[in-house]
Amino acid sequence: LQHLLHFQGTAAGFRFHAGMALSEMMRPGDTLALVAEPDNPQDPRAVRLDFGDIHVGYVPRDHNTIIATLLTQGAPLECRIVAIRLEAEPWKMIEAEIRITRSGDAAPPAKAST
């Protein structure tokens, strides 16, 4: 399968949302839900990252335009955690990748247990 989109990077706003509190529960391979936020007053192309149903950060602004557009069009996107670095600065703690998948290939989102 050729991936038409492959973004790998850190989660923006991780320290301002529940990311810090949930970081020890997250594991490489866990899925993060991608949620377009067209009504976001800071950025109408914002794409929220959720661990289970808990907001943990955003796709960085310099990479969100194509991802927001694809989400709006219903493209099958998957976001997975690649690495967790608990000792890193908060904005570098989580690294994730986003790919276009074939229909039915995406794993279900991770569940955050509180």
N, C-alpha and C. Protein backbone atom coordinates (compact mmCIF):
# COMPACT_ATOMS: atom_id res chain seq x y z
N LEU A 1 0.85 -1.19 0.00
CA LEU A 1 0.00 0.00 0.00
C LEU A 1 0.88 1.24 0.00
N GLN A 2 0.67 2.12 -0.94
CA GLN A 2 1.36 3.42 -0.96
C GLN A 2 0.58 4.39 -0.09
N HIS A 3 1.26 5.06 0.81
CA HIS A 3 0.61 6.07 1.64
C HIS A 3 0.77 7.42 0.95
N LEU A 4 -0.36 8.06 0.65
CA LEU A 4 -0.33 9.36 -0.02
C LEU A 4 0.05 10.47 0.95
N LEU A 5 -0.21 10.25 2.23
CA LEU A 5 0.11 11.24 3.25
C LEU A 5 0.83 10.52 4.36
N HIS A 6 1.94 11.07 4.79
CA HIS A 6 2.63 10.51 5.94
C HIS A 6 3.25 11.68 6.69
N PHE A 7 2.66 12.02 7.82
CA PHE A 7 3.19 13.08 8.67
C PHE A 7 3.67 12.45 9.96
N GLN A 8 4.85 12.81 10.40
CA GLN A 8 5.34 12.37 11.70
C GLN A 8 5.88 13.58 12.43
N GLY A 9 5.41 13.78 13.65
CA GLY A 9 5.87 14.93 14.43
C GLY A 9 5.29 14.92 15.82
N THR A 10 5.50 16.01 16.54
CA THR A 10 5.05 16.11 17.92
C THR A 10 3.65 16.72 17.98
N ALA A 11 3.03 16.62 19.16
CA ALA A 11 1.69 17.16 19.39
C ALA A 11 1.78 18.56 19.97
N ALA A 12 1.18 19.52 19.29
CA ALA A 12 1.16 20.89 19.80
C ALA A 12 0.18 20.97 20.97
N GLY A 13 0.51 21.80 21.95
CA GLY A 13 -0.37 22.02 23.08
C GLY A 13 -0.47 20.88 24.07
N PHE A 14 0.42 19.90 23.96
CA PHE A 14 0.37 18.71 24.81
C PHE A 14 0.36 19.07 26.30
N ARG A 15 1.14 20.06 26.68
CA ARG A 15 1.23 20.42 28.10
C ARG A 15 0.04 21.25 28.58
N PHE A 16 -0.76 21.80 27.66
CA PHE A 16 -1.89 22.63 28.04
C PHE A 16 -3.19 21.85 28.14
N HIS A 17 -3.18 20.61 27.70
CA HIS A 17 -4.38 19.79 27.71
C HIS A 17 -4.11 18.59 28.62
N ALA A 18 -4.84 17.52 28.48
CA ALA A 18 -4.69 16.38 29.39
C ALA A 18 -3.50 15.49 29.03
N GLY A 19 -2.72 15.86 28.02
CA GLY A 19 -1.60 15.04 27.59
C GLY A 19 -0.62 14.70 28.69
N MET A 20 -0.26 15.69 29.47
CA MET A 20 0.72 15.47 30.53
C MET A 20 0.20 14.45 31.55
N ALA A 21 -1.07 14.57 31.92
CA ALA A 21 -1.66 13.67 32.92
C ALA A 21 -1.77 12.24 32.40
N LEU A 22 -1.94 12.08 31.09
CA LEU A 22 -2.14 10.75 30.51
C LEU A 22 -0.87 10.16 29.90
N SER A 23 0.23 10.91 29.88
CA SER A 23 1.43 10.48 29.16
C SER A 23 1.95 9.13 29.63
N GLU A 24 1.84 8.82 30.91
CA GLU A 24 2.35 7.54 31.40
C GLU A 24 1.45 6.37 31.02
N MET A 25 0.21 6.65 30.60
CA MET A 25 -0.70 5.59 30.15
C MET A 25 -0.54 5.31 28.66
N MET A 26 0.01 6.24 27.92
CA MET A 26 0.15 6.11 26.47
C MET A 26 1.32 5.21 26.13
N ARG A 27 1.17 4.47 25.04
CA ARG A 27 2.21 3.56 24.57
C ARG A 27 2.40 3.71 23.07
N PRO A 28 3.62 3.49 22.58
CA PRO A 28 3.80 3.45 21.12
C PRO A 28 2.84 2.42 20.51
N GLY A 29 2.23 2.83 19.42
CA GLY A 29 1.24 1.98 18.75
C GLY A 29 -0.19 2.35 19.10
N ASP A 30 -0.39 3.06 20.22
CA ASP A 30 -1.75 3.50 20.57
C ASP A 30 -2.26 4.47 19.49
N THR A 31 -3.56 4.42 19.27
CA THR A 31 -4.19 5.28 18.28
C THR A 31 -4.73 6.54 18.95
N LEU A 32 -4.55 7.66 18.28
CA LEU A 32 -5.15 8.93 18.70
C LEU A 32 -6.22 9.29 17.68
N ALA A 33 -7.37 9.74 18.16
CA ALA A 33 -8.43 10.18 17.26
C ALA A 33 -8.09 11.56 16.71
N LEU A 34 -8.39 11.77 15.46
CA LEU A 34 -8.21 13.06 14.78
C LEU A 34 -9.58 13.72 14.67
N VAL A 35 -9.72 14.94 15.21
CA VAL A 35 -11.01 15.63 15.21
C VAL A 35 -10.82 17.03 14.63
N ALA A 36 -11.43 17.27 13.47
CA ALA A 36 -11.37 18.61 12.87
C ALA A 36 -12.16 19.58 13.73
N GLU A 37 -11.64 20.80 13.90
CA GLU A 37 -12.30 21.84 14.68
C GLU A 37 -12.49 23.10 13.82
N PRO A 38 -13.39 23.05 12.83
CA PRO A 38 -13.56 24.21 11.95
C PRO A 38 -14.06 25.46 12.66
N ASP A 39 -14.64 25.32 13.86
CA ASP A 39 -15.12 26.47 14.62
C ASP A 39 -14.10 26.97 15.64
N ASN A 40 -12.88 26.43 15.61
CA ASN A 40 -11.84 26.86 16.54
C ASN A 40 -11.50 28.32 16.26
N PRO A 41 -11.64 29.22 17.27
CA PRO A 41 -11.39 30.64 17.03
C PRO A 41 -9.92 30.98 16.74
N GLN A 42 -9.00 30.13 17.16
CA GLN A 42 -7.58 30.38 16.92
C GLN A 42 -7.13 29.93 15.53
N ASP A 43 -7.79 28.86 15.03
CA ASP A 43 -7.38 28.30 13.73
C ASP A 43 -8.51 27.42 13.20
N PRO A 44 -9.20 27.86 12.15
CA PRO A 44 -10.30 27.05 11.61
C PRO A 44 -9.84 25.73 10.97
N ARG A 45 -8.54 25.56 10.82
CA ARG A 45 -8.00 24.29 10.29
C ARG A 45 -7.44 23.41 11.40
N ALA A 46 -7.73 23.76 12.65
CA ALA A 46 -7.21 23.01 13.79
C ALA A 46 -7.69 21.56 13.74
N VAL A 47 -6.78 20.65 14.09
CA VAL A 47 -7.10 19.23 14.19
C VAL A 47 -6.69 18.76 15.59
N ARG A 48 -7.70 18.44 16.39
CA ARG A 48 -7.49 18.00 17.77
C ARG A 48 -7.07 16.54 17.80
N LEU A 49 -6.20 16.21 18.76
CA LEU A 49 -5.78 14.84 19.02
C LEU A 49 -6.41 14.39 20.32
N ASP A 50 -7.15 13.28 20.28
CA ASP A 50 -7.79 12.72 21.47
C ASP A 50 -7.24 11.33 21.76
N PHE A 51 -6.99 11.08 23.03
CA PHE A 51 -6.62 9.74 23.51
C PHE A 51 -7.88 9.19 24.17
N GLY A 52 -8.51 8.23 23.52
CA GLY A 52 -9.85 7.84 23.92
C GLY A 52 -10.75 9.03 23.60
N ASP A 53 -11.46 9.53 24.60
CA ASP A 53 -12.29 10.71 24.36
C ASP A 53 -11.73 11.94 25.09
N ILE A 54 -10.43 11.90 25.39
CA ILE A 54 -9.80 13.00 26.14
C ILE A 54 -8.83 13.77 25.24
N HIS A 55 -9.01 15.08 25.20
CA HIS A 55 -8.19 15.97 24.37
C HIS A 55 -6.77 16.04 24.94
N VAL A 56 -5.77 15.70 24.10
CA VAL A 56 -4.38 15.73 24.57
C VAL A 56 -3.49 16.70 23.80
N GLY A 57 -3.96 17.27 22.70
CA GLY A 57 -3.14 18.20 21.95
C GLY A 57 -3.72 18.44 20.57
N TYR A 58 -2.87 18.98 19.68
CA TYR A 58 -3.27 19.31 18.32
C TYR A 58 -2.18 18.90 17.33
N VAL A 59 -2.59 18.67 16.08
CA VAL A 59 -1.63 18.57 14.99
C VAL A 59 -1.03 19.97 14.87
N PRO A 60 0.30 20.09 14.78
CA PRO A 60 0.92 21.42 14.67
C PRO A 60 0.33 22.21 13.51
N ARG A 61 0.16 23.50 13.73
CA ARG A 61 -0.48 24.40 12.76
C ARG A 61 0.17 24.34 11.37
N ASP A 62 1.48 24.18 11.32
CA ASP A 62 2.15 24.17 10.01
C ASP A 62 1.93 22.86 9.24
N HIS A 63 1.20 21.91 9.81
CA HIS A 63 0.90 20.65 9.13
C HIS A 63 -0.60 20.33 9.09
N ASN A 64 -1.45 21.23 9.61
CA ASN A 64 -2.85 20.84 9.78
C ASN A 64 -3.75 21.09 8.57
N THR A 65 -3.36 21.91 7.63
CA THR A 65 -4.26 22.27 6.53
C THR A 65 -4.68 21.05 5.72
N ILE A 66 -3.74 20.27 5.24
CA ILE A 66 -4.09 19.10 4.42
C ILE A 66 -4.85 18.06 5.25
N ILE A 67 -4.46 17.90 6.51
CA ILE A 67 -5.12 16.90 7.37
C ILE A 67 -6.56 17.32 7.65
N ALA A 68 -6.79 18.60 7.95
CA ALA A 68 -8.15 19.09 8.18
C ALA A 68 -9.00 18.92 6.92
N THR A 69 -8.43 19.23 5.77
CA THR A 69 -9.16 19.09 4.51
C THR A 69 -9.53 17.63 4.27
N LEU A 70 -8.59 16.73 4.46
CA LEU A 70 -8.86 15.30 4.26
C LEU A 70 -9.92 14.79 5.24
N LEU A 71 -9.86 15.23 6.50
CA LEU A 71 -10.88 14.83 7.47
C LEU A 71 -12.26 15.30 7.04
N THR A 72 -12.34 16.55 6.60
CA THR A 72 -13.62 17.11 6.15
C THR A 72 -14.18 16.33 4.97
N GLN A 73 -13.29 15.82 4.12
CA GLN A 73 -13.71 15.05 2.95
C GLN A 73 -13.98 13.59 3.27
N GLY A 74 -13.75 13.20 4.53
CA GLY A 74 -14.04 11.82 4.94
C GLY A 74 -12.94 10.82 4.61
N ALA A 75 -11.73 11.30 4.36
CA ALA A 75 -10.61 10.40 4.06
C ALA A 75 -10.32 9.51 5.28
N PRO A 76 -9.95 8.25 5.05
CA PRO A 76 -9.63 7.34 6.17
C PRO A 76 -8.23 7.61 6.71
N LEU A 77 -8.14 8.45 7.73
CA LEU A 77 -6.86 8.80 8.33
C LEU A 77 -6.68 8.06 9.64
N GLU A 78 -5.44 7.74 9.94
CA GLU A 78 -5.10 7.07 11.20
C GLU A 78 -3.93 7.79 11.82
N CYS A 79 -4.01 8.01 13.13
CA CYS A 79 -2.92 8.62 13.87
C CYS A 79 -2.48 7.65 14.96
N ARG A 80 -1.20 7.32 14.96
CA ARG A 80 -0.64 6.40 15.96
C ARG A 80 0.53 7.05 16.67
N ILE A 81 0.66 6.73 17.95
CA ILE A 81 1.80 7.19 18.72
C ILE A 81 3.02 6.38 18.28
N VAL A 82 4.10 7.07 17.96
CA VAL A 82 5.35 6.44 17.55
C VAL A 82 6.29 6.32 18.74
N ALA A 83 6.33 7.37 19.58
CA ALA A 83 7.25 7.37 20.72
C ALA A 83 6.70 8.25 21.83
N ILE A 84 7.02 7.86 23.05
CA ILE A 84 6.72 8.65 24.25
C ILE A 84 8.06 8.88 24.94
N ARG A 85 8.37 10.12 25.21
CA ARG A 85 9.63 10.47 25.89
C ARG A 85 9.28 11.25 27.16
N LEU A 86 9.09 10.55 28.25
CA LEU A 86 8.65 11.18 29.50
C LEU A 86 9.66 12.19 30.04
N GLU A 87 10.93 12.03 29.68
CA GLU A 87 11.97 12.93 30.18
C GLU A 87 12.13 14.18 29.30
N ALA A 88 11.46 14.23 28.18
CA ALA A 88 11.61 15.34 27.23
C ALA A 88 10.79 16.55 27.66
N GLU A 89 11.06 17.68 27.03
CA GLU A 89 10.25 18.88 27.22
C GLU A 89 8.81 18.53 26.84
N PRO A 90 7.80 19.15 27.48
CA PRO A 90 6.41 18.76 27.24
C PRO A 90 6.00 18.76 25.77
N TRP A 91 6.45 19.72 24.98
CA TRP A 91 6.06 19.79 23.58
C TRP A 91 6.77 18.73 22.71
N LYS A 92 7.70 17.99 23.31
CA LYS A 92 8.40 16.93 22.58
C LYS A 92 8.13 15.54 23.15
N MET A 93 7.24 15.44 24.15
CA MET A 93 7.02 14.16 24.84
C MET A 93 6.38 13.09 23.96
N ILE A 94 5.47 13.49 23.12
CA ILE A 94 4.76 12.52 22.29
C ILE A 94 5.11 12.76 20.83
N GLU A 95 5.38 11.68 20.13
CA GLU A 95 5.60 11.75 18.69
C GLU A 95 4.58 10.82 18.05
N ALA A 96 3.90 11.32 17.05
CA ALA A 96 2.85 10.54 16.40
C ALA A 96 3.02 10.62 14.89
N GLU A 97 2.38 9.67 14.20
CA GLU A 97 2.36 9.71 12.74
C GLU A 97 0.92 9.60 12.27
N ILE A 98 0.65 10.27 11.16
CA ILE A 98 -0.68 10.26 10.56
C ILE A 98 -0.54 9.72 9.15
N ARG A 99 -1.40 8.76 8.81
CA ARG A 99 -1.37 8.16 7.48
C ARG A 99 -2.78 8.01 6.94
N ILE A 100 -2.89 8.02 5.64
CA ILE A 100 -4.13 7.63 4.99
C ILE A 100 -4.12 6.11 4.96
N THR A 101 -5.23 5.50 5.35
CA THR A 101 -5.33 4.04 5.35
C THR A 101 -6.38 3.61 4.34
N ARG A 102 -6.37 2.35 4.03
CA ARG A 102 -7.46 1.79 3.24
C ARG A 102 -8.66 1.64 4.17
N SER A 103 -9.84 1.73 3.65
CA SER A 103 -11.05 1.56 4.47
C SER A 103 -10.96 0.23 5.21
N GLY A 104 -11.25 0.29 6.50
CA GLY A 104 -11.26 -0.91 7.32
C GLY A 104 -9.92 -1.27 7.90
N ASP A 105 -8.83 -0.59 7.50
CA ASP A 105 -7.50 -0.91 8.02
C ASP A 105 -7.18 -0.21 9.33
N ALA A 106 -7.89 0.86 9.63
CA ALA A 106 -7.57 1.64 10.82
C ALA A 106 -7.96 0.89 12.09
N ALA A 107 -7.09 0.99 13.08
CA ALA A 107 -7.36 0.37 14.37
C ALA A 107 -8.34 1.24 15.15
N PRO A 108 -9.10 0.67 16.09
CA PRO A 108 -10.00 1.49 16.90
C PRO A 108 -9.18 2.40 17.81
N PRO A 109 -9.74 3.58 18.17
CA PRO A 109 -9.01 4.50 19.04
C PRO A 109 -8.73 3.87 20.40
N ALA A 110 -7.63 4.29 21.01
CA ALA A 110 -7.26 3.81 22.34
C ALA A 110 -8.27 4.31 23.36
N LYS A 111 -8.43 3.59 24.41
CA LYS A 111 -9.33 3.98 25.51
C LYS A 111 -8.47 4.52 26.65
N ALA A 112 -8.79 5.70 27.13
CA ALA A 112 -8.09 6.27 28.29
C ALA A 112 -8.87 5.82 29.54
N SER A 113 -8.20 5.13 30.43
CA SER A 113 -8.88 4.75 31.67
C SER A 113 -8.46 5.72 32.75
N THR A 114 -9.44 6.24 33.44
CA THR A 114 -9.15 7.24 34.48
C THR A 114 -9.43 6.69 35.84
